[in-house]
Amino acid sequence: MHPKYQAWFAGIKAEIPIVLGVVPFGVIYGVTALKLGLSPWLIQAMSTIIFAGSSQMIVAQLFGTGVPNVAIILTAAVVNLRHALYSASVAPYLQQLKRAWRVLLAYLLTDEAYAVAITGYQERNDPEYDHWYFFGAGFMLWFSWQLSTAIGLLVGSQIGTMPVLEIALALTFIGILVPTLRDKAVIGAAVTGASVAVLAAGLPYKLGLIVAAIVGIGVGLGLEGKRA
């Protein structure tokens, strides 16, 4: 098998454990959006075009409560600001790629794909085909998200309320985070970010998440600087 396909399949394989936690959230999104009155084609289109679970859930809820479109767009933009940090992190690895590759990988860049991709860039040491690894991880996440959304649409009216599934997203992020807690700087950033997120949970428009991310990153950089 050509090395690029080996890298692609390796990315898919690395993403599978995370996908197991993402699928229930995709089903929940489909069910919730249906109950909020959104049309099936719009729900599936959001999964294809926006392709960001937390933003889609918030946008669906705001649509369902009649919030003005401008407020919905601004809220989604704020929630997705963290992707700018992801982009800055992977940018040095993508500079040599053609524009089409960079556009494709930017579209596939999600929380879960980033976690696998950045680990691959740091540990695989295969610069010629690492973007195929990223592509495999992103594609696996994309495919599972489209499929789980469709499942949510098909069986939504029969699922009813399943509270245990509502913690699937939180468990997914915990599963992503724990393996990266390897040094004082990362642990400090994670603990600070989590603490601030809880304390700032009452801020409007999910601004508490942004504040927590900024403070957590600042603490991590500070600890990293002291160590250097």
Foldseek 3Di string as FASTA:
>chain_A
DDVLVVLLVLLQVVQVVLLVLVLLLLLVLLLVLVVLPDDLVVSLVCCVQVVARVLSSQLSVCVSVVHDPVLSVVLSCLVCPVLVVLCVLCVVLCVVPDPVLVVLLSSLDYPSLSLSLSVCVVPVPPSVNSSSSSVNNSVNNSVSSSVSSVVSNVCSVPPPDDVVSVCSVVVSVVVSLVVVPDDDLSVQLVVQLVVQLVVCVPDPSSVSNVVSNVVSNVSSVVVVVVVD
